[in-house]
Amino acid sequence: MSKNDKAKAERAKNYSAEQEQILRDRSPLDLESAKALADEMGKGYRSIIAKVKSMGLPYVVKKTEPKKVAKETKAQLVEKISASLEGADLDGLEKSTAQALVNLLQAVNV
């Protein structure tokens, strides 16, 4: 038996046939259900997710919304900062992060 075959055999023993059937029965899984199953089976939730994927079962990834720091564009934020500083020349400041510009605007307006 080659080294690779031995490694595969060791990984295969990590989940019993009963545990694999539980994963099939509760499919499709998401993060919350993977965490619940991990507690039940005494395994890590990442192990559960990896096993589900390796078995070809569906796993629903939680979609995250991108964080929007400000509703205004960076150029608009720079204009407001400039106005607060009595028309100071702030060329290039719009290359800063939006969060940095929001923080600066708040500090200037205090």
PDB file of N, CA and C in Angstrom:
ATOM      1  N   MET A   1       0.848  -1.184   0.000  1.00  0.00           N
ATOM      2  CA  MET A   1       0.000   0.000   0.000  1.00  0.00           C
ATOM      3  C   MET A   1       0.892   1.245   0.000  1.00  0.00           C
ATOM      4  N   SER A   2       0.628   2.175  -0.919  1.00  0.00           N
ATOM      5  CA  SER A   2       1.460   3.375  -1.027  1.00  0.00           C
ATOM      6  C   SER A   2       1.144   4.350   0.108  1.00  0.00           C
ATOM      7  N   LYS A   3       2.007   5.315   0.254  1.00  0.00           N
ATOM      8  CA  LYS A   3       1.834   6.336   1.290  1.00  0.00           C
ATOM      9  C   LYS A   3       0.521   7.100   1.095  1.00  0.00           C
ATOM     10  N   ASN A   4       0.209   7.403  -0.165  1.00  0.00           N
ATOM     11  CA  ASN A   4      -1.012   8.138  -0.497  1.00  0.00           C
ATOM     12  C   ASN A   4      -2.256   7.320  -0.153  1.00  0.00           C
ATOM     13  N   ASP A   5      -2.228   6.017  -0.434  1.00  0.00           N
ATOM     14  CA  ASP A   5      -3.357   5.149  -0.120  1.00  0.00           C
ATOM     15  C   ASP A   5      -3.567   5.043   1.384  1.00  0.00           C
ATOM     16  N   LYS A   6      -2.467   4.996   2.134  1.00  0.00           N
ATOM     17  CA  LYS A   6      -2.569   4.930   3.591  1.00  0.00           C
ATOM     18  C   LYS A   6      -3.194   6.208   4.131  1.00  0.00           C
ATOM     19  N   ALA A   7      -2.799   7.344   3.576  1.00  0.00           N
ATOM     20  CA  ALA A   7      -3.347   8.629   4.022  1.00  0.00           C
ATOM     21  C   ALA A   7      -4.839   8.693   3.735  1.00  0.00           C
ATOM     22  N   LYS A   8      -5.251   8.214   2.577  1.00  0.00           N
ATOM     23  CA  LYS A   8      -6.678   8.195   2.235  1.00  0.00           C
ATOM     24  C   LYS A   8      -7.444   7.277   3.168  1.00  0.00           C
ATOM     25  N   ALA A   9      -6.868   6.139   3.502  1.00  0.00           N
ATOM     26  CA  ALA A   9      -7.525   5.197   4.408  1.00  0.00           C
ATOM     27  C   ALA A   9      -7.686   5.809   5.794  1.00  0.00           C
ATOM     28  N   GLU A  10      -6.680   6.552   6.249  1.00  0.00           N
ATOM     29  CA  GLU A  10      -6.767   7.204   7.552  1.00  0.00           C
ATOM     30  C   GLU A  10      -7.868   8.261   7.560  1.00  0.00           C
ATOM     31  N   ARG A  11      -7.957   9.023   6.486  1.00  0.00           N
ATOM     32  CA  ARG A  11      -8.995  10.050   6.407  1.00  0.00           C
ATOM     33  C   ARG A  11     -10.374   9.412   6.342  1.00  0.00           C
ATOM     34  N   ALA A  12     -10.495   8.315   5.687  1.00  0.00           N
ATOM     35  CA  ALA A  12     -11.790   7.655   5.535  1.00  0.00           C
ATOM     36  C   ALA A  12     -12.325   7.191   6.881  1.00  0.00           C
ATOM     37  N   LYS A  13     -11.457   6.863   7.816  1.00  0.00           N
ATOM     38  CA  LYS A  13     -11.882   6.384   9.125  1.00  0.00           C
ATOM     39  C   LYS A  13     -12.380   7.511  10.026  1.00  0.00           C
ATOM     40  N   ASN A  14     -12.178   8.729   9.638  1.00  0.00           N
ATOM     41  CA  ASN A  14     -12.548   9.875  10.467  1.00  0.00           C
ATOM     42  C   ASN A  14     -14.057   9.982  10.671  1.00  0.00           C
ATOM     43  N   TYR A  15     -14.855   9.538   9.715  1.00  0.00           N
ATOM     44  CA  TYR A  15     -16.317   9.570   9.795  1.00  0.00           C
ATOM     45  C   TYR A  15     -16.855   8.154   9.583  1.00  0.00           C
ATOM     46  N   SER A  16     -17.732   7.747  10.472  1.00  0.00           N
ATOM     47  CA  SER A  16     -18.347   6.430  10.322  1.00  0.00           C
ATOM     48  C   SER A  16     -19.433   6.492   9.253  1.00  0.00           C
ATOM     49  N   ALA A  17     -19.903   5.322   8.847  1.00  0.00           N
ATOM     50  CA  ALA A  17     -20.987   5.263   7.856  1.00  0.00           C
ATOM     51  C   ALA A  17     -22.248   5.916   8.414  1.00  0.00           C
ATOM     52  N   GLU A  18     -22.480   5.763   9.707  1.00  0.00           N
ATOM     53  CA  GLU A  18     -23.650   6.388  10.347  1.00  0.00           C
ATOM     54  C   GLU A  18     -23.545   7.913  10.299  1.00  0.00           C
ATOM     55  N   GLN A  19     -22.354   8.428  10.581  1.00  0.00           N
ATOM     56  CA  GLN A  19     -22.158   9.877  10.555  1.00  0.00           C
ATOM     57  C   GLN A  19     -22.322  10.419   9.134  1.00  0.00           C
ATOM     58  N   GLU A  20     -21.820   9.689   8.164  1.00  0.00           N
ATOM     59  CA  GLU A  20     -21.992  10.115   6.778  1.00  0.00           C
ATOM     60  C   GLU A  20     -23.465  10.117   6.390  1.00  0.00           C
ATOM     61  N   GLN A  21     -24.218   9.145   6.879  1.00  0.00           N
ATOM     62  CA  GLN A  21     -25.649   9.111   6.587  1.00  0.00           C
ATOM     63  C   GLN A  21     -26.372  10.295   7.228  1.00  0.00           C
ATOM     64  N   ILE A  22     -25.960  10.669   8.433  1.00  0.00           N
ATOM     65  CA  ILE A  22     -26.542  11.851   9.092  1.00  0.00           C
ATOM     66  C   ILE A  22     -26.296  13.088   8.232  1.00  0.00           C
ATOM     67  N   LEU A  23     -25.092  13.206   7.701  1.00  0.00           N
ATOM     68  CA  LEU A  23     -24.771  14.348   6.836  1.00  0.00           C
ATOM     69  C   LEU A  23     -25.654  14.349   5.591  1.00  0.00           C
ATOM     70  N   ARG A  24     -25.863  13.169   5.007  1.00  0.00           N
ATOM     71  CA  ARG A  24     -26.741  13.075   3.826  1.00  0.00           C
ATOM     72  C   ARG A  24     -28.174  13.461   4.183  1.00  0.00           C
ATOM     73  N   ASP A  25     -28.645  12.968   5.334  1.00  0.00           N
ATOM     74  CA  ASP A  25     -30.032  13.226   5.744  1.00  0.00           C
ATOM     75  C   ASP A  25     -30.290  14.708   6.026  1.00  0.00           C
ATOM     76  N   ARG A  26     -29.290  15.404   6.529  1.00  0.00           N
ATOM     77  CA  ARG A  26     -29.475  16.816   6.902  1.00  0.00           C
ATOM     78  C   ARG A  26     -29.036  17.780   5.808  1.00  0.00           C
ATOM     79  N   SER A  27     -28.712  17.248   4.674  1.00  0.00           N
ATOM     80  CA  SER A  27     -28.278  18.057   3.551  1.00  0.00           C
ATOM     81  C   SER A  27     -29.451  18.846   2.987  1.00  0.00           C
ATOM     82  N   PRO A  28     -29.299  20.028   2.477  1.00  0.00           N
ATOM     83  CA  PRO A  28     -28.085  20.829   2.357  1.00  0.00           C
ATOM     84  C   PRO A  28     -27.749  21.504   3.681  1.00  0.00           C
ATOM     85  N   LEU A  29     -26.473  21.657   3.939  1.00  0.00           N
ATOM     86  CA  LEU A  29     -26.006  22.278   5.166  1.00  0.00           C
ATOM     87  C   LEU A  29     -25.596  23.719   4.906  1.00  0.00           C
ATOM     88  N   ASP A  30     -25.676  24.509   5.967  1.00  0.00           N
ATOM     89  CA  ASP A  30     -25.126  25.858   5.949  1.00  0.00           C
ATOM     90  C   ASP A  30     -24.247  25.981   7.189  1.00  0.00           C
ATOM     91  N   LEU A  31     -23.735  27.150   7.466  1.00  0.00           N
ATOM     92  CA  LEU A  31     -22.806  27.326   8.574  1.00  0.00           C
ATOM     93  C   LEU A  31     -23.444  26.955   9.902  1.00  0.00           C
ATOM     94  N   GLU A  32     -24.666  27.414  10.152  1.00  0.00           N
ATOM     95  CA  GLU A  32     -25.323  27.141  11.434  1.00  0.00           C
ATOM     96  C   GLU A  32     -25.571  25.651  11.630  1.00  0.00           C
ATOM     97  N   SER A  33     -26.056  24.972  10.596  1.00  0.00           N
ATOM     98  CA  SER A  33     -26.322  23.539  10.736  1.00  0.00           C
ATOM     99  C   SER A  33     -25.015  22.755  10.846  1.00  0.00           C
ATOM    100  N   ALA A  34     -23.957  23.229  10.202  1.00  0.00           N
ATOM    101  CA  ALA A  34     -22.650  22.571  10.320  1.00  0.00           C
ATOM    102  C   ALA A  34     -22.122  22.694  11.747  1.00  0.00           C
ATOM    103  N   LYS A  35     -22.324  23.858  12.357  1.00  0.00           N
ATOM    104  CA  LYS A  35     -21.887  24.049  13.742  1.00  0.00           C
ATOM    105  C   LYS A  35     -22.688  23.164  14.692  1.00  0.00           C
ATOM    106  N   ALA A  36     -23.996  23.054  14.451  1.00  0.00           N
ATOM    107  CA  ALA A  36     -24.832  22.198  15.295  1.00  0.00           C
ATOM    108  C   ALA A  36     -24.406  20.737  15.167  1.00  0.00           C
ATOM    109  N   LEU A  37     -24.171  20.288  13.951  1.00  0.00           N
ATOM    110  CA  LEU A  37     -23.723  18.910  13.729  1.00  0.00           C
ATOM    111  C   LEU A  37     -22.347  18.672  14.347  1.00  0.00           C
ATOM    112  N   ALA A  38     -21.486  19.651  14.284  1.00  0.00           N
ATOM    113  CA  ALA A  38     -20.151  19.517  14.861  1.00  0.00           C
ATOM    114  C   ALA A  38     -20.250  19.271  16.363  1.00  0.00           C
ATOM    115  N   ASP A  39     -21.153  19.988  17.028  1.00  0.00           N
ATOM    116  CA  ASP A  39     -21.354  19.777  18.464  1.00  0.00           C
ATOM    117  C   ASP A  39     -21.881  18.371  18.741  1.00  0.00           C
ATOM    118  N   GLU A  40     -22.830  17.934  17.937  1.00  0.00           N
ATOM    119  CA  GLU A  40     -23.417  16.604  18.106  1.00  0.00           C
ATOM    120  C   GLU A  40     -22.388  15.498  17.892  1.00  0.00           C
ATOM    121  N   MET A  41     -21.541  15.666  16.884  1.00  0.00           N
ATOM    122  CA  MET A  41     -20.603  14.610  16.506  1.00  0.00           C
ATOM    123  C   MET A  41     -19.249  14.725  17.195  1.00  0.00           C
ATOM    124  N   GLY A  42     -19.026  15.826  17.907  1.00  0.00           N
ATOM    125  CA  GLY A  42     -17.738  16.015  18.565  1.00  0.00           C
ATOM    126  C   GLY A  42     -16.616  16.318  17.589  1.00  0.00           C
ATOM    127  N   LYS A  43     -16.935  17.053  16.557  1.00  0.00           N
ATOM    128  CA  LYS A  43     -15.958  17.415  15.535  1.00  0.00           C
ATOM    129  C   LYS A  43     -15.977  18.921  15.346  1.00  0.00           C
ATOM    130  N   GLY A  44     -15.015  19.429  14.615  1.00  0.00           N
ATOM    131  CA  GLY A  44     -14.983  20.843  14.290  1.00  0.00           C
ATOM    132  C   GLY A  44     -15.942  21.143  13.146  1.00  0.00           C
ATOM    133  N   TYR A  45     -16.531  22.326  13.161  1.00  0.00           N
ATOM    134  CA  TYR A  45     -17.484  22.668  12.101  1.00  0.00           C
ATOM    135  C   TYR A  45     -16.796  22.728  10.734  1.00  0.00           C
ATOM    136  N   ARG A  46     -15.534  23.102  10.712  1.00  0.00           N
ATOM    137  CA  ARG A  46     -14.815  23.140   9.431  1.00  0.00           C
ATOM    138  C   ARG A  46     -14.611  21.727   8.890  1.00  0.00           C
ATOM    139  N   SER A  47     -14.437  20.772   9.806  1.00  0.00           N
ATOM    140  CA  SER A  47     -14.315  19.379   9.394  1.00  0.00           C
ATOM    141  C   SER A  47     -15.628  18.904   8.776  1.00  0.00           C
ATOM    142  N   ILE A  48     -16.737  19.299   9.379  1.00  0.00           N
ATOM    143  CA  ILE A  48     -18.058  18.924   8.854  1.00  0.00           C
ATOM    144  C   ILE A  48     -18.228  19.500   7.442  1.00  0.00           C
ATOM    145  N   ILE A  49     -17.894  20.769   7.280  1.00  0.00           N
ATOM    146  CA  ILE A  49     -18.040  21.419   5.977  1.00  0.00           C
ATOM    147  C   ILE A  49     -17.153  20.736   4.934  1.00  0.00           C
ATOM    148  N   ALA A  50     -15.923  20.440   5.309  1.00  0.00           N
ATOM    149  CA  ALA A  50     -15.007  19.780   4.374  1.00  0.00           C
ATOM    150  C   ALA A  50     -15.527  18.397   3.992  1.00  0.00           C
ATOM    151  N   LYS A  51     -16.076  17.671   4.962  1.00  0.00           N
ATOM    152  CA  LYS A  51     -16.583  16.335   4.674  1.00  0.00           C
ATOM    153  C   LYS A  51     -17.787  16.405   3.743  1.00  0.00           C
ATOM    154  N   VAL A  52     -18.684  17.341   4.023  1.00  0.00           N
ATOM    155  CA  VAL A  52     -19.870  17.512   3.175  1.00  0.00           C
ATOM    156  C   VAL A  52     -19.447  17.802   1.735  1.00  0.00           C
ATOM    157  N   LYS A  53     -18.492  18.686   1.569  1.00  0.00           N
ATOM    158  CA  LYS A  53     -18.019  19.036   0.222  1.00  0.00           C
ATOM    159  C   LYS A  53     -17.326  17.855  -0.446  1.00  0.00           C
ATOM    160  N   SER A  54     -16.539  17.101   0.339  1.00  0.00           N
ATOM    161  CA  SER A  54     -15.834  15.958  -0.260  1.00  0.00           C
ATOM    162  C   SER A  54     -16.801  14.846  -0.654  1.00  0.00           C
ATOM    163  N   MET A  55     -17.962  14.784   0.024  1.00  0.00           N
ATOM    164  CA  MET A  55     -18.978  13.793  -0.321  1.00  0.00           C
ATOM    165  C   MET A  55     -19.818  14.252  -1.513  1.00  0.00           C
ATOM    166  N   GLY A  56     -19.614  15.488  -1.949  1.00  0.00           N
ATOM    167  CA  GLY A  56     -20.372  16.016  -3.084  1.00  0.00           C
ATOM    168  C   GLY A  56     -21.759  16.497  -2.706  1.00  0.00           C
ATOM    169  N   LEU A  57     -21.979  16.706  -1.402  1.00  0.00           N
ATOM    170  CA  LEU A  57     -23.280  17.196  -0.937  1.00  0.00           C
ATOM    171  C   LEU A  57     -23.302  18.716  -1.013  1.00  0.00           C
ATOM    172  N   PRO A  58     -24.496  19.292  -1.144  1.00  0.00           N
ATOM    173  CA  PRO A  58     -24.557  20.757  -1.246  1.00  0.00           C
ATOM    174  C   PRO A  58     -24.256  21.441   0.085  1.00  0.00           C
ATOM    175  N   TYR A  59     -23.532  22.519   0.008  1.00  0.00           N
ATOM    176  CA  TYR A  59     -23.256  23.377   1.157  1.00  0.00           C
ATOM    177  C   TYR A  59     -23.603  24.797   0.742  1.00  0.00           C
ATOM    178  N   VAL A  60     -24.466  25.445   1.504  1.00  0.00           N
ATOM    179  CA  VAL A  60     -24.945  26.788   1.184  1.00  0.00           C
ATOM    180  C   VAL A  60     -24.053  27.807   1.884  1.00  0.00           C
ATOM    181  N   VAL A  61     -23.332  28.575   1.094  1.00  0.00           N
ATOM    182  CA  VAL A  61     -22.434  29.597   1.625  1.00  0.00           C
ATOM    183  C   VAL A  61     -23.251  30.841   1.950  1.00  0.00           C
ATOM    184  N   LYS A  62     -23.002  31.394   3.121  1.00  0.00           N
ATOM    185  CA  LYS A  62     -23.691  32.614   3.522  1.00  0.00           C
ATOM    186  C   LYS A  62     -23.174  33.771   2.678  1.00  0.00           C
ATOM    187  N   LYS A  63     -24.090  34.470   2.047  1.00  0.00           N
ATOM    188  CA  LYS A  63     -23.709  35.617   1.228  1.00  0.00           C
ATOM    189  C   LYS A  63     -23.619  36.834   2.127  1.00  0.00           C
ATOM    190  N   THR A  64     -22.521  37.539   2.013  1.00  0.00           N
ATOM    191  CA  THR A  64     -22.329  38.735   2.819  1.00  0.00           C
ATOM    192  C   THR A  64     -22.491  39.970   1.949  1.00  0.00           C
ATOM    193  N   GLU A  65     -23.054  40.965   2.535  1.00  0.00           N
ATOM    194  CA  GLU A  65     -23.212  42.242   1.851  1.00  0.00           C
ATOM    195  C   GLU A  65     -21.916  43.035   2.003  1.00  0.00           C
ATOM    196  N   PRO A  66     -21.458  43.645   0.953  1.00  0.00           N
ATOM    197  CA  PRO A  66     -20.261  44.462   1.097  1.00  0.00           C
ATOM    198  C   PRO A  66     -20.548  45.652   1.998  1.00  0.00           C
ATOM    199  N   LYS A  67     -19.562  45.988   2.813  1.00  0.00           N
ATOM    200  CA  LYS A  67     -19.734  47.110   3.731  1.00  0.00           C
ATOM    201  C   LYS A  67     -19.663  48.409   2.955  1.00  0.00           C
ATOM    202  N   LYS A  68     -20.624  49.258   3.178  1.00  0.00           N
ATOM    203  CA  LYS A  68     -20.619  50.567   2.548  1.00  0.00           C
ATOM    204  C   LYS A  68     -20.392  51.572   3.666  1.00  0.00           C
ATOM    205  N   VAL A  69     -19.279  52.230   3.615  1.00  0.00           N
ATOM    206  CA  VAL A  69     -18.892  53.146   4.675  1.00  0.00           C
ATOM    207  C   VAL A  69     -19.701  54.433   4.598  1.00  0.00           C
ATOM    208  N   ALA A  70     -19.816  54.977   3.435  1.00  0.00           N
ATOM    209  CA  ALA A  70     -20.507  56.253   3.287  1.00  0.00           C
ATOM    210  C   ALA A  70     -21.413  56.200   2.070  1.00  0.00           C
ATOM    211  N   LYS A  71     -22.473  56.986   2.131  1.00  0.00           N
ATOM    212  CA  LYS A  71     -23.383  57.056   0.997  1.00  0.00           C
ATOM    213  C   LYS A  71     -22.887  58.074  -0.021  1.00  0.00           C
ATOM    214  N   GLU A  72     -21.882  58.806   0.368  1.00  0.00           N
ATOM    215  CA  GLU A  72     -21.331  59.827  -0.509  1.00  0.00           C
ATOM    216  C   GLU A  72     -20.055  59.298  -1.172  1.00  0.00           C
ATOM    217  N   THR A  73     -19.730  59.870  -2.298  1.00  0.00           N
ATOM    218  CA  THR A  73     -18.497  59.480  -2.964  1.00  0.00           C
ATOM    219  C   THR A  73     -17.312  60.078  -2.214  1.00  0.00           C
ATOM    220  N   LYS A  74     -16.134  59.563  -2.508  1.00  0.00           N
ATOM    221  CA  LYS A  74     -14.934  60.094  -1.872  1.00  0.00           C
ATOM    222  C   LYS A  74     -14.738  61.565  -2.246  1.00  0.00           C
ATOM    223  N   ALA A  75     -15.020  61.896  -3.493  1.00  0.00           N
ATOM    224  CA  ALA A  75     -14.859  63.283  -3.938  1.00  0.00           C
ATOM    225  C   ALA A  75     -15.774  64.222  -3.156  1.00  0.00           C
ATOM    226  N   GLN A  76     -17.010  63.763  -2.902  1.00  0.00           N
ATOM    227  CA  GLN A  76     -17.940  64.588  -2.121  1.00  0.00           C
ATOM    228  C   GLN A  76     -17.446  64.761  -0.680  1.00  0.00           C
ATOM    229  N   LEU A  77     -16.897  63.697  -0.113  1.00  0.00           N
ATOM    230  CA  LEU A  77     -16.357  63.794   1.248  1.00  0.00           C
ATOM    231  C   LEU A  77     -15.189  64.768   1.305  1.00  0.00           C
ATOM    232  N   VAL A  78     -14.308  64.710   0.296  1.00  0.00           N
ATOM    233  CA  VAL A  78     -13.163  65.629   0.257  1.00  0.00           C
ATOM    234  C   VAL A  78     -13.651  67.068   0.129  1.00  0.00           C
ATOM    235  N   GLU A  79     -14.685  67.307  -0.666  1.00  0.00           N
ATOM    236  CA  GLU A  79     -15.243  68.663  -0.804  1.00  0.00           C
ATOM    237  C   GLU A  79     -15.766  69.169   0.535  1.00  0.00           C
ATOM    238  N   LYS A  80     -16.447  68.321   1.281  1.00  0.00           N
ATOM    239  CA  LYS A  80     -16.969  68.723   2.593  1.00  0.00           C
ATOM    240  C   LYS A  80     -15.833  69.030   3.569  1.00  0.00           C
ATOM    241  N   ILE A  81     -14.788  68.208   3.538  1.00  0.00           N
ATOM    242  CA  ILE A  81     -13.637  68.446   4.415  1.00  0.00           C
ATOM    243  C   ILE A  81     -12.978  69.760   4.044  1.00  0.00           C
ATOM    244  N   SER A  82     -12.822  69.994   2.743  1.00  0.00           N
ATOM    245  CA  SER A  82     -12.215  71.234   2.264  1.00  0.00           C
ATOM    246  C   SER A  82     -13.040  72.439   2.693  1.00  0.00           C
ATOM    247  N   ALA A  83     -14.351  72.332   2.590  1.00  0.00           N
ATOM    248  CA  ALA A  83     -15.225  73.430   3.009  1.00  0.00           C
ATOM    249  C   ALA A  83     -15.102  73.689   4.502  1.00  0.00           C
ATOM    250  N   SER A  84     -14.979  72.621   5.272  1.00  0.00           N
ATOM    251  CA  SER A  84     -14.816  72.771   6.723  1.00  0.00           C
ATOM    252  C   SER A  84     -13.489  73.411   7.078  1.00  0.00           C
ATOM    253  N   LEU A  85     -12.501  73.259   6.212  1.00  0.00           N
ATOM    254  CA  LEU A  85     -11.173  73.847   6.431  1.00  0.00           C
ATOM    255  C   LEU A  85     -10.997  75.138   5.642  1.00  0.00           C
ATOM    256  N   GLU A  86     -12.111  75.790   5.355  1.00  0.00           N
ATOM    257  CA  GLU A  86     -12.137  77.079   4.665  1.00  0.00           C
ATOM    258  C   GLU A  86     -11.466  77.020   3.302  1.00  0.00           C
ATOM    259  N   GLY A  87     -11.810  75.989   2.528  1.00  0.00           N
ATOM    260  CA  GLY A  87     -11.351  75.889   1.144  1.00  0.00           C
ATOM    261  C   GLY A  87      -9.921  75.448   0.975  1.00  0.00           C
ATOM    262  N   ALA A  88      -9.375  74.729   1.927  1.00  0.00           N
ATOM    263  CA  ALA A  88      -7.987  74.257   1.821  1.00  0.00           C
ATOM    264  C   ALA A  88      -7.831  73.350   0.609  1.00  0.00           C
ATOM    265  N   ASP A  89      -6.638  73.401  -0.017  1.00  0.00           N
ATOM    266  CA  ASP A  89      -6.345  72.564  -1.177  1.00  0.00           C
ATOM    267  C   ASP A  89      -6.037  71.152  -0.689  1.00  0.00           C
ATOM    268  N   LEU A  90      -6.867  70.206  -1.059  1.00  0.00           N
ATOM    269  CA  LEU A  90      -6.723  68.829  -0.603  1.00  0.00           C
ATOM    270  C   LEU A  90      -6.577  67.857  -1.764  1.00  0.00           C
ATOM    271  N   ASP A  91      -5.870  68.277  -2.798  1.00  0.00           N
ATOM    272  CA  ASP A  91      -5.663  67.413  -3.965  1.00  0.00           C
ATOM    273  C   ASP A  91      -5.008  66.093  -3.545  1.00  0.00           C
ATOM    274  N   GLY A  92      -5.538  64.994  -4.039  1.00  0.00           N
ATOM    275  CA  GLY A  92      -4.988  63.678  -3.749  1.00  0.00           C
ATOM    276  C   GLY A  92      -5.617  62.988  -2.554  1.00  0.00           C
ATOM    277  N   LEU A  93      -6.359  63.746  -1.756  1.00  0.00           N
ATOM    278  CA  LEU A  93      -6.957  63.156  -0.557  1.00  0.00           C
ATOM    279  C   LEU A  93      -8.025  62.122  -0.900  1.00  0.00           C
ATOM    280  N   GLU A  94      -8.631  62.245  -2.072  1.00  0.00           N
ATOM    281  CA  GLU A  94      -9.678  61.296  -2.471  1.00  0.00           C
ATOM    282  C   GLU A  94      -9.132  59.886  -2.687  1.00  0.00           C
ATOM    283  N   LYS A  95      -7.822  59.736  -2.684  1.00  0.00           N
ATOM    284  CA  LYS A  95      -7.221  58.406  -2.813  1.00  0.00           C
ATOM    285  C   LYS A  95      -7.195  57.664  -1.476  1.00  0.00           C
ATOM    286  N   SER A  96      -7.561  58.357  -0.409  1.00  0.00           N
ATOM    287  CA  SER A  96      -7.652  57.715   0.907  1.00  0.00           C
ATOM    288  C   SER A  96      -8.845  56.779   0.931  1.00  0.00           C
ATOM    289  N   THR A  97      -8.898  55.937   1.951  1.00  0.00           N
ATOM    290  CA  THR A  97     -10.063  55.055   2.079  1.00  0.00           C
ATOM    291  C   THR A  97     -11.277  55.875   2.475  1.00  0.00           C
ATOM    292  N   ALA A  98     -12.441  55.380   2.132  1.00  0.00           N
ATOM    293  CA  ALA A  98     -13.676  56.087   2.460  1.00  0.00           C
ATOM    294  C   ALA A  98     -13.824  56.232   3.969  1.00  0.00           C
ATOM    295  N   GLN A  99     -13.459  55.178   4.711  1.00  0.00           N
ATOM    296  CA  GLN A  99     -13.577  55.239   6.173  1.00  0.00           C
ATOM    297  C   GLN A  99     -12.663  56.318   6.744  1.00  0.00           C
ATOM    298  N   ALA A 100     -11.455  56.451   6.201  1.00  0.00           N
ATOM    299  CA  ALA A 100     -10.534  57.486   6.669  1.00  0.00           C
ATOM    300  C   ALA A 100     -11.101  58.872   6.400  1.00  0.00           C
ATOM    301  N   LEU A 101     -11.738  59.047   5.252  1.00  0.00           N
ATOM    302  CA  LEU A 101     -12.333  60.345   4.928  1.00  0.00           C
ATOM    303  C   LEU A 101     -13.505  60.651   5.847  1.00  0.00           C
ATOM    304  N   VAL A 102     -14.319  59.669   6.144  1.00  0.00           N
ATOM    305  CA  VAL A 102     -15.451  59.863   7.060  1.00  0.00           C
ATOM    306  C   VAL A 102     -14.918  60.258   8.442  1.00  0.00           C
ATOM    307  N   ASN A 103     -13.873  59.539   8.905  1.00  0.00           N
ATOM    308  CA  ASN A 103     -13.293  59.844  10.211  1.00  0.00           C
ATOM    309  C   ASN A 103     -12.717  61.258  10.244  1.00  0.00           C
ATOM    310  N   LEU A 104     -12.031  61.665   9.184  1.00  0.00           N
ATOM    311  CA  LEU A 104     -11.461  63.001   9.101  1.00  0.00           C
ATOM    312  C   LEU A 104     -12.556  64.057   9.103  1.00  0.00           C
ATOM    313  N   LEU A 105     -13.606  63.833   8.347  1.00  0.00           N
ATOM    314  CA  LEU A 105     -14.731  64.782   8.293  1.00  0.00           C
ATOM    315  C   LEU A 105     -15.348  64.949   9.675  1.00  0.00           C
ATOM    316  N   GLN A 106     -15.509  63.842  10.387  1.00  0.00           N
ATOM    317  CA  GLN A 106     -16.078  63.918  11.735  1.00  0.00           C
ATOM    318  C   GLN A 106     -15.160  64.674  12.671  1.00  0.00           C
ATOM    319  N   ALA A 107     -13.851  64.451  12.561  1.00  0.00           N
ATOM    320  CA  ALA A 107     -12.890  65.138  13.417  1.00  0.00           C
ATOM    321  C   ALA A 107     -12.857  66.633  13.117  1.00  0.00           C
ATOM    322  N   VAL A 108     -12.965  66.999  11.857  1.00  0.00           N
ATOM    323  CA  VAL A 108     -12.926  68.412  11.469  1.00  0.00           C
ATOM    324  C   VAL A 108     -14.177  69.135  11.932  1.00  0.00           C
ATOM    325  N   ASN A 109     -15.298  68.449  11.933  1.00  0.00           N
ATOM    326  CA  ASN A 109     -16.568  69.080  12.289  1.00  0.00           C
ATOM    327  C   ASN A 109     -16.860  69.099  13.790  1.00  0.00           C
ATOM    328  N   VAL A 110     -15.924  68.590  14.585  1.00  0.00           N
ATOM    329  CA  VAL A 110     -16.142  68.575  16.046  1.00  0.00           C
ATOM    330  C   VAL A 110     -15.964  69.941  16.623  1.00  0.00           C
TER     331      VAL A 110
END
